[in-house]
Amino acid sequence: MHIGHTRWAAVGDALARVLIAAGAKVTREFYTNDRGTQMDSFGASLMAAAQGEPTPDDGYHGAYVTELAQTIADADPAITSLPRDEQLVAFREAGYEHQLTEQREQLDAFRTHFDVWFSERSLHDSGAVEHGLDVLKQQGHVFETDGAVWMRTTDFGDDKDRVLIRSNGDYTYFASDTAYYVNKRERGFDLCIYLLGADHHGYVGRLKAMAACAGDQPDRNLQVLIGQLVKILKDGEELKLSKRAGTLVTLQELVDLIGVDSLRYSLTRYPTDSPLTLDVDEITRQASDNPVFYVQYAHARLSSILRNATDLGLAVDPATLDASLLSHEREGTLLRALAEFPRVVAKAAELREPHRVARYLEETASTFHKFYDECRVLPMGDEDATDLHRARLMLTAATRIVLRNGLDLLGVDAPERM
């Protein structure tokens, strides 16, 4: 899993959390491309590595291939003695299971949890691909020419019609994509949100046309979000290569280098349709101009105030609280900021823009600091606690709740101490 996946892992999970907070029923699905020529190429690469042979021309490179091949051979020494065709399948399947397990573990550690891990193979094994074609045929948008089966996506604005079954009888990837969409709709999902990388702009038109061919309303039942490229700078230089993967920077390396909180917050803080450059030194620095530190520090400061109140024996009963005492300008500004939180979440869900939550948290943290600088929350020395102290303490507690809830929507911890 590389840096592009990492952006979508953070943003997609934050979007799911925001949608749920706004009242939607959400299922998070990870679609695994676990069939076809790339899987065979992966198996052949592992087999070659285990046998000490050169990597196939279309194979997978990187130290992780050699490591994985050795792990598989150590677990099953007889595997390298199998006939070549059986050996390739054995390496392919063992490698697939290892990689899928690793992906799940890395995503869980990144606080991105999927409800469903959906296998492309299952579409073919269950007959869902054939069923998807039947659905399209009933809608009248499938035709045959030159021995191949096509979907007439040009009926709905696509730049060309799309092949579903090649003339040699093989299904295309688009046939799987179509069957998967039909499958999701038949499982009761009103809206299917696709998160695709920057090199998939061409998929938007064909996916929307596919939904229309299936009898749906593309603007209502399907949405495609495109994430732009991410660059990571370290010591002023762009990180391009992984020591382990060889050709890309992996999610695990980024987590080890940056940390889950800083990485998730930084990836969700910006609109996904904009290219993003993250400087490791900047986003891991514990300073007030580092947004994630600034918001987390505000939560820790709020927690400290509430702990001190407890030590002073200062309790607050909301039922007897006199909110009219909060008449200071800074108190009113903070109250209005807290009242905006539900609207911000609703708008972030509506526009599919979880970065709105991050920006709101930063503004609210700033508003709180200004309030605290001018409005004494706790009594000083031998001073007796007043109803104003209690009202301000309640405002402090409310602010902590909002910051904690907002950070949780982004999958970022809200520390009690820093």
Protein backbone atom coordinates (compact mmCIF):
# COMPACT_ATOMS: atom_id res chain seq x y z
CA MET A 1 0.00 0.00 0.00
CA HIS A 2 1.64 3.19 -1.20
CA ILE A 3 1.30 6.91 -0.56
CA GLY A 4 -1.70 7.30 -2.89
CA HIS A 5 -3.59 4.61 -1.01
CA THR A 6 -2.61 6.34 2.24
CA ARG A 7 -4.38 9.57 1.28
CA TRP A 8 -7.58 7.71 0.45
CA ALA A 9 -7.33 5.53 3.54
CA ALA A 10 -7.35 8.68 5.69
CA VAL A 11 -9.83 10.74 3.67
CA GLY A 12 -12.19 7.87 2.91
CA ASP A 13 -12.37 6.81 6.54
CA ALA A 14 -12.87 10.41 7.70
CA LEU A 15 -15.62 10.85 5.09
CA ALA A 16 -17.36 7.70 6.35
CA ARG A 17 -17.19 9.00 9.93
CA VAL A 18 -18.58 12.39 8.87
CA LEU A 19 -21.41 10.80 6.89
CA ILE A 20 -22.35 8.63 9.87
CA ALA A 21 -22.28 11.66 12.18
CA ALA A 22 -24.62 13.42 9.74
CA GLY A 23 -27.10 10.54 9.98
CA ALA A 24 -26.20 8.32 7.03
CA LYS A 25 -25.93 4.56 7.18
CA VAL A 26 -22.49 3.76 5.77
CA THR A 27 -20.64 0.59 4.82
CA ARG A 28 -16.90 0.79 4.18
CA GLU A 29 -15.75 -1.63 1.49
CA PHE A 30 -12.28 -2.52 0.27
CA TYR A 31 -12.37 -4.00 -3.24
CA THR A 32 -9.50 -6.38 -3.92
CA ASN A 33 -8.35 -7.01 -7.50
CA ASP A 34 -7.48 -10.64 -6.81
CA ARG A 35 -7.79 -12.23 -10.25
CA GLY A 36 -6.37 -11.77 -13.72
CA THR A 37 -2.95 -11.37 -15.28
CA GLN A 38 -1.52 -9.16 -12.52
CA MET A 39 -2.14 -11.88 -9.95
CA ASP A 40 -0.39 -14.42 -12.19
CA SER A 41 2.50 -11.99 -12.66
CA PHE A 42 2.73 -11.60 -8.87
CA GLY A 43 2.85 -15.39 -8.42
CA ALA A 44 5.50 -15.72 -11.13
CA SER A 45 7.62 -13.03 -9.46
CA LEU A 46 7.49 -14.84 -6.12
CA MET A 47 8.33 -18.16 -7.74
CA ALA A 48 11.30 -16.64 -9.58
CA ALA A 49 12.60 -15.04 -6.38
CA ALA A 50 12.32 -18.33 -4.47
CA GLN A 51 14.18 -20.16 -7.25
CA GLY A 52 16.89 -17.51 -7.55
CA GLU A 53 15.77 -16.66 -11.08
CA PRO A 54 15.50 -13.19 -12.69
CA THR A 55 12.23 -11.33 -12.17
CA PRO A 56 9.89 -11.70 -15.19
CA ASP A 57 9.74 -8.71 -17.52
CA ASP A 58 6.23 -7.83 -16.35
CA GLY A 59 6.92 -8.90 -12.77
CA TYR A 60 7.02 -7.23 -9.38
CA HIS A 61 10.26 -5.80 -8.01
CA GLY A 62 11.48 -4.77 -4.59
CA ALA A 63 12.93 -6.39 -1.52
CA TYR A 64 9.44 -7.26 -0.26
CA VAL A 65 9.05 -9.79 -3.12
CA THR A 66 12.21 -11.62 -2.09
CA GLU A 67 11.23 -11.46 1.60
CA LEU A 68 7.76 -12.79 0.90
CA ALA A 69 9.03 -15.58 -1.36
CA GLN A 70 11.41 -16.69 1.39
CA THR A 71 8.62 -16.62 3.98
CA ILE A 72 6.42 -18.80 1.78
CA ALA A 73 9.23 -21.26 1.02
CA ASP A 74 10.16 -21.50 4.70
CA ALA A 75 6.55 -22.29 5.63
CA ASP A 76 6.22 -24.90 2.87
CA PRO A 77 9.65 -26.21 1.75
CA ALA A 78 8.04 -28.59 -0.75
CA ILE A 79 6.56 -25.75 -2.75
CA THR A 80 9.70 -25.25 -4.86
CA SER A 81 9.56 -28.89 -5.93
CA LEU A 82 6.11 -28.67 -7.47
CA PRO A 83 5.66 -28.64 -11.26
CA ARG A 84 6.03 -25.11 -12.61
CA ASP A 85 2.34 -24.52 -13.30
CA GLU A 86 1.31 -25.81 -9.85
CA GLN A 87 4.15 -23.93 -8.21
CA LEU A 88 3.05 -20.63 -9.74
CA VAL A 89 -0.49 -21.10 -8.42
CA ALA A 90 0.81 -22.09 -4.98
CA PHE A 91 3.06 -19.02 -4.73
CA ARG A 92 0.30 -16.79 -6.07
CA GLU A 93 -2.23 -17.96 -3.50
CA ALA A 94 0.17 -17.94 -0.56
CA GLY A 95 1.47 -14.49 -1.53
CA TYR A 96 -2.07 -13.20 -1.89
CA GLU A 97 -3.03 -14.35 1.61
CA HIS A 98 0.12 -12.86 3.15
CA GLN A 99 -0.32 -9.52 1.39
CA LEU A 100 -4.02 -9.28 2.20
CA THR A 101 -3.32 -9.98 5.87
CA GLU A 102 -0.57 -7.34 5.88
CA GLN A 103 -2.85 -4.77 4.25
CA ARG A 104 -5.55 -5.38 6.85
CA GLU A 105 -3.10 -5.09 9.72
CA GLN A 106 -1.57 -1.87 8.35
CA LEU A 107 -4.97 -0.27 7.74
CA ASP A 108 -6.22 -1.24 11.20
CA ALA A 109 -3.09 0.31 12.73
CA PHE A 110 -3.84 3.42 10.65
CA ARG A 111 -7.36 3.44 12.21
CA THR A 112 -9.00 2.73 8.87
CA HIS A 113 -11.37 -0.18 9.38
CA PHE A 114 -13.41 -1.81 6.61
CA ASP A 115 -16.74 -3.53 7.15
CA VAL A 116 -16.41 -5.59 3.97
CA TRP A 117 -13.38 -6.90 2.14
CA PHE A 118 -14.87 -7.61 -1.27
CA SER A 119 -13.09 -10.03 -3.58
CA GLU A 120 -13.21 -9.60 -7.37
CA ARG A 121 -12.93 -13.38 -7.60
CA SER A 122 -16.19 -13.78 -5.72
CA LEU A 123 -18.01 -11.91 -8.49
CA HIS A 124 -16.91 -14.53 -11.01
CA ASP A 125 -17.22 -17.55 -8.71
CA SER A 126 -20.75 -16.63 -7.62
CA GLY A 127 -22.10 -15.86 -11.10
CA ALA A 128 -22.47 -12.16 -10.24
CA VAL A 129 -20.67 -11.12 -13.44
CA GLU A 130 -23.13 -13.03 -15.61
CA HIS A 131 -25.99 -11.63 -13.56
CA GLY A 132 -24.66 -8.09 -14.03
CA LEU A 133 -24.61 -8.64 -17.79
CA ASP A 134 -28.19 -9.88 -17.67
CA VAL A 135 -29.22 -6.69 -15.86
CA LEU A 136 -27.56 -4.57 -18.56
CA LYS A 137 -29.14 -6.62 -21.35
CA GLN A 138 -32.58 -6.08 -19.83
CA GLN A 139 -31.94 -2.34 -19.99
CA GLY A 140 -31.08 -2.64 -23.69
CA HIS A 141 -27.52 -1.29 -23.61
CA VAL A 142 -25.51 -4.44 -24.48
CA PHE A 143 -24.60 -5.42 -28.03
CA GLU A 144 -22.24 -7.78 -29.85
CA THR A 145 -19.84 -6.97 -32.65
CA ASP A 146 -16.64 -8.54 -33.99
CA GLY A 147 -17.17 -11.47 -31.65
CA ALA A 148 -17.02 -9.28 -28.52
CA VAL A 149 -19.73 -8.12 -26.10
CA TRP A 150 -19.97 -4.36 -25.54
CA MET A 151 -21.86 -1.89 -23.37
CA ARG A 152 -23.16 1.13 -25.25
CA THR A 153 -21.93 3.73 -22.77
CA THR A 154 -21.88 6.37 -25.51
CA ASP A 155 -25.66 6.52 -25.03
CA PHE A 156 -24.86 8.37 -21.78
CA GLY A 157 -21.97 10.62 -22.67
CA ASP A 158 -18.97 8.28 -22.56
CA ASP A 159 -16.34 8.95 -25.21
CA LYS A 160 -16.54 5.37 -26.54
CA ASP A 161 -18.38 2.12 -25.93
CA ARG A 162 -16.79 -0.34 -23.50
CA VAL A 163 -15.89 -4.00 -24.01
CA LEU A 164 -17.30 -6.42 -21.43
CA ILE A 165 -16.26 -9.73 -23.02
CA ARG A 166 -13.36 -9.89 -25.47
CA SER A 167 -13.59 -11.88 -28.69
CA ASN A 168 -11.53 -14.64 -27.04
CA GLY A 169 -14.20 -15.03 -24.33
CA ASP A 170 -12.25 -13.34 -21.52
CA TYR A 171 -14.05 -10.86 -19.28
CA THR A 172 -12.56 -7.37 -19.03
CA TYR A 173 -11.88 -5.53 -15.79
CA PHE A 174 -14.81 -3.29 -16.68
CA ALA A 175 -17.11 -6.31 -16.64
CA SER A 176 -16.05 -6.90 -13.02
CA ASP A 177 -16.52 -3.20 -12.23
CA THR A 178 -20.03 -3.31 -13.68
CA ALA A 179 -20.96 -6.48 -11.81
CA TYR A 180 -19.64 -5.00 -8.57
CA TYR A 181 -21.77 -1.88 -9.00
CA VAL A 182 -24.90 -3.93 -9.72
CA ASN A 183 -24.09 -6.12 -6.72
CA LYS A 184 -23.84 -3.11 -4.41
CA ARG A 185 -27.08 -1.62 -5.64
CA GLU A 186 -28.88 -4.94 -5.16
CA ARG A 187 -27.52 -5.11 -1.60
CA GLY A 188 -29.52 -1.97 -0.93
CA PHE A 189 -26.98 0.85 -1.20
CA ASP A 190 -28.60 4.03 -2.52
CA LEU A 191 -25.31 5.78 -3.20
CA CYS A 192 -21.97 4.25 -4.20
CA ILE A 193 -18.99 6.55 -3.59
CA TYR A 194 -15.81 5.66 -5.46
CA LEU A 195 -12.45 6.99 -4.29
CA LEU A 196 -9.99 6.92 -7.18
CA GLY A 197 -6.46 8.14 -7.77
CA ALA A 198 -5.32 11.08 -9.88
CA ASP A 199 -4.63 8.85 -12.89
CA HIS A 200 -8.26 7.68 -13.03
CA HIS A 201 -9.96 10.83 -14.36
CA GLY A 202 -10.98 8.86 -17.44
CA TYR A 203 -13.01 6.50 -15.29
CA VAL A 204 -15.52 9.13 -14.20
CA GLY A 205 -17.43 9.28 -17.47
CA ARG A 206 -17.49 5.55 -18.01
CA LEU A 207 -18.60 4.78 -14.46
CA LYS A 208 -21.45 7.27 -14.66
CA ALA A 209 -22.44 5.90 -18.05
CA MET A 210 -22.31 2.38 -16.59
CA ALA A 211 -24.72 3.39 -13.82
CA ALA A 212 -27.08 4.84 -16.41
CA CYS A 213 -26.83 1.66 -18.49
CA ALA A 214 -27.85 -0.28 -15.39
CA GLY A 215 -31.02 1.81 -15.18
CA ASP A 216 -29.87 4.18 -12.41
CA GLN A 217 -29.54 7.94 -12.10
CA PRO A 218 -25.78 8.59 -12.09
CA ASP A 219 -26.03 11.88 -10.23
CA ARG A 220 -28.06 10.23 -7.48
CA ASN A 221 -26.69 6.70 -7.21
CA LEU A 222 -22.98 7.07 -7.96
CA GLN A 223 -20.30 9.59 -7.06
CA VAL A 224 -16.63 9.51 -8.02
CA LEU A 225 -14.05 11.43 -5.99
CA ILE A 226 -10.59 11.93 -7.49
CA GLY A 227 -7.62 12.38 -5.18
CA GLN A 228 -4.63 14.31 -6.46
CA LEU A 229 -1.00 13.35 -5.96
CA VAL A 230 0.83 13.62 -2.66
CA LYS A 231 4.50 14.51 -2.28
CA ILE A 232 6.41 13.90 0.93
CA LEU A 233 9.46 16.04 1.71
CA LYS A 234 12.14 15.00 4.17
CA ASP A 235 15.12 17.28 4.83
CA GLY A 236 14.06 19.31 1.81
CA GLU A 237 14.14 16.32 -0.55
CA GLU A 238 11.17 14.48 -2.01
CA LEU A 239 10.73 10.87 -0.85
CA LYS A 240 10.27 8.84 -4.02
CA LEU A 241 11.61 5.38 -3.39
CA SER A 242 11.07 2.83 -0.68
CA LYS A 243 13.90 0.77 0.74
CA ARG A 244 11.56 -2.23 0.84
CA ALA A 245 9.15 -1.79 -2.06
CA GLY A 246 11.75 -0.38 -4.41
CA THR A 247 9.53 1.86 -6.52
CA LEU A 248 7.22 3.65 -4.10
CA VAL A 249 6.81 4.88 -0.54
CA THR A 250 4.55 2.62 1.51
CA LEU A 251 1.86 3.40 4.07
CA GLN A 252 3.79 1.62 6.80
CA GLU A 253 6.93 3.64 6.12
CA LEU A 254 4.93 6.87 6.29
CA VAL A 255 3.35 5.85 9.60
CA ASP A 256 6.76 4.95 11.03
CA LEU A 257 8.21 8.26 9.81
CA ILE A 258 5.36 10.65 10.64
CA GLY A 259 3.00 8.92 13.09
CA VAL A 260 -0.68 8.11 12.70
CA ASP A 261 -2.09 11.35 14.15
CA SER A 262 0.07 13.77 12.18
CA LEU A 263 -0.28 11.78 8.97
CA ARG A 264 -4.06 11.36 9.15
CA TYR A 265 -4.69 14.98 10.12
CA SER A 266 -2.39 16.34 7.42
CA LEU A 267 -3.95 14.17 4.71
CA THR A 268 -7.52 15.09 5.66
CA ARG A 269 -6.85 18.81 6.18
CA TYR A 270 -6.84 19.70 2.48
CA PRO A 271 -9.35 19.31 -0.39
CA THR A 272 -8.67 16.03 -2.18
CA ASP A 273 -8.86 17.62 -5.63
CA SER A 274 -5.69 19.61 -4.92
CA PRO A 275 -2.13 18.23 -5.12
CA LEU A 276 -0.59 17.99 -1.68
CA THR A 277 2.98 18.43 -0.47
CA LEU A 278 3.74 17.44 3.13
CA ASP A 279 7.00 18.34 4.83
CA VAL A 280 7.82 15.70 7.45
CA ASP A 281 9.76 18.16 9.59
CA GLU A 282 6.86 20.62 9.63
CA ILE A 283 3.97 18.25 10.35
CA THR A 284 5.78 16.42 13.14
CA ARG A 285 7.03 19.55 14.90
CA GLN A 286 5.48 20.32 18.29
CA ALA A 287 4.78 23.99 17.69
CA SER A 288 1.71 26.20 17.54
CA ASP A 289 2.05 26.67 13.78
CA ASN A 290 1.64 22.90 13.28
CA PRO A 291 -2.15 22.49 12.91
CA VAL A 292 -2.48 18.99 14.37
CA PHE A 293 -0.34 19.90 17.38
CA TYR A 294 -2.28 23.15 17.81
CA VAL A 295 -5.66 21.38 18.01
CA GLN A 296 -4.39 18.49 20.15
CA TYR A 297 -2.68 20.92 22.51
CA ALA A 298 -5.95 22.84 22.90
CA HIS A 299 -7.69 19.60 23.91
CA ALA A 300 -4.92 18.76 26.37
CA ARG A 301 -5.14 22.28 27.84
CA LEU A 302 -8.91 21.93 28.26
CA SER A 303 -8.41 18.59 29.96
CA SER A 304 -5.87 20.12 32.33
CA ILE A 305 -8.29 22.89 33.31
CA LEU A 306 -11.01 20.36 34.09
CA ARG A 307 -8.58 18.24 36.14
CA ASN A 308 -7.60 21.31 38.13
CA ALA A 309 -11.27 22.09 38.72
CA THR A 310 -11.76 18.61 40.11
CA ASP A 311 -8.76 19.07 42.41
CA LEU A 312 -10.35 22.29 43.68
CA GLY A 313 -13.61 20.48 44.33
CA LEU A 314 -15.35 22.69 41.79
CA ALA A 315 -18.37 20.83 40.44
CA VAL A 316 -20.91 22.05 37.91
CA ASP A 317 -24.59 21.18 37.81
CA PRO A 318 -25.94 21.98 34.32
CA ALA A 319 -29.48 22.12 35.74
CA THR A 320 -28.61 25.12 37.91
CA LEU A 321 -26.20 26.77 35.50
CA ASP A 322 -26.92 30.43 34.78
CA ALA A 323 -25.83 30.77 31.16
CA SER A 324 -26.80 34.44 31.13
CA LEU A 325 -23.61 35.12 33.09
CA LEU A 326 -21.59 34.38 29.94
CA SER A 327 -21.81 37.94 28.66
CA HIS A 328 -18.18 38.62 27.79
CA GLU A 329 -17.43 39.10 24.10
CA ARG A 330 -14.99 36.16 24.09
CA GLU A 331 -17.57 33.93 25.75
CA GLY A 332 -20.16 34.81 23.12
CA THR A 333 -17.70 34.15 20.29
CA LEU A 334 -16.82 30.74 21.72
CA LEU A 335 -20.47 29.82 22.25
CA ARG A 336 -21.26 30.69 18.65
CA ALA A 337 -18.27 28.66 17.44
CA LEU A 338 -19.46 25.58 19.35
CA ALA A 339 -22.98 26.02 18.00
CA GLU A 340 -21.57 25.87 14.45
CA PHE A 341 -20.19 22.34 14.85
CA PRO A 342 -23.33 20.43 13.73
CA ARG A 343 -23.66 22.66 10.68
CA VAL A 344 -20.00 22.15 9.77
CA VAL A 345 -20.36 18.37 10.02
CA ALA A 346 -23.55 18.41 7.94
CA LYS A 347 -21.89 20.52 5.25
CA ALA A 348 -18.76 18.36 5.23
CA ALA A 349 -20.97 15.32 4.69
CA GLU A 350 -23.07 16.97 2.00
CA LEU A 351 -20.05 18.16 0.01
CA ARG A 352 -17.89 15.07 0.82
CA GLU A 353 -15.25 17.40 2.27
CA PRO A 354 -13.97 16.21 5.66
CA HIS A 355 -11.24 18.88 5.52
CA ARG A 356 -13.93 21.34 6.63
CA VAL A 357 -13.90 19.66 10.05
CA ALA A 358 -10.14 20.13 10.41
CA ARG A 359 -10.29 23.81 9.55
CA TYR A 360 -13.20 24.29 11.95
CA LEU A 361 -11.23 22.65 14.77
CA GLU A 362 -8.29 24.98 14.23
CA GLU A 363 -10.53 28.05 14.30
CA THR A 364 -12.33 26.81 17.42
CA ALA A 365 -9.05 26.05 19.18
CA SER A 366 -7.93 29.60 18.43
CA THR A 367 -11.24 30.98 19.69
CA PHE A 368 -10.86 29.02 22.93
CA HIS A 369 -7.30 30.25 23.55
CA LYS A 370 -8.47 33.86 23.15
CA PHE A 371 -11.35 33.20 25.54
CA TYR A 372 -9.05 31.62 28.13
CA ASP A 373 -6.55 34.47 27.91
CA GLU A 374 -9.22 37.03 28.81
CA CYS A 375 -11.73 35.10 30.93
CA ARG A 376 -10.59 33.50 34.18
CA VAL A 377 -12.14 30.03 34.45
CA LEU A 378 -10.83 28.91 37.86
CA PRO A 379 -10.66 30.91 41.10
CA MET A 380 -7.21 32.09 42.11
CA GLY A 381 -5.62 31.51 45.53
CA ASP A 382 -8.17 31.76 48.36
CA GLU A 383 -10.81 33.19 46.05
CA ASP A 384 -14.20 31.53 46.36
CA ALA A 385 -15.71 29.94 43.28
CA THR A 386 -18.58 31.92 41.84
CA ASP A 387 -21.42 31.04 39.49
CA LEU A 388 -19.45 32.79 36.75
CA HIS A 389 -16.53 30.42 37.33
CA ARG A 390 -18.94 27.51 37.08
CA ALA A 391 -20.52 28.83 33.90
CA ARG A 392 -17.10 29.28 32.31
CA LEU A 393 -16.10 25.82 33.45
CA MET A 394 -19.16 24.39 31.71
CA LEU A 395 -18.18 26.29 28.55
CA THR A 396 -14.71 24.80 28.86
CA ALA A 397 -16.13 21.28 29.20
CA ALA A 398 -18.35 21.83 26.15
CA THR A 399 -15.38 23.00 24.12
CA ARG A 400 -13.42 19.89 25.03
CA ILE A 401 -16.32 17.69 23.90
CA VAL A 402 -16.50 19.43 20.54
CA LEU A 403 -12.73 19.21 19.93
CA ARG A 404 -12.68 15.54 20.94
CA ASN A 405 -15.64 14.72 18.69
CA GLY A 406 -14.12 16.64 15.80
CA LEU A 407 -10.75 14.92 16.10
CA ASP A 408 -12.52 11.57 16.28
CA LEU A 409 -14.24 12.33 12.95
CA LEU A 410 -10.76 12.64 11.45
CA GLY A 411 -9.51 9.49 13.18
CA VAL A 412 -7.05 11.50 15.29
CA ASP A 413 -6.44 11.02 19.00
CA ALA A 414 -7.49 13.70 21.51
CA PRO A 415 -4.72 13.55 24.16
CA GLU A 416 -5.43 14.39 27.80
CA ARG A 417 -1.85 15.52 28.38
CA MET A 418 0.92 16.83 26.14
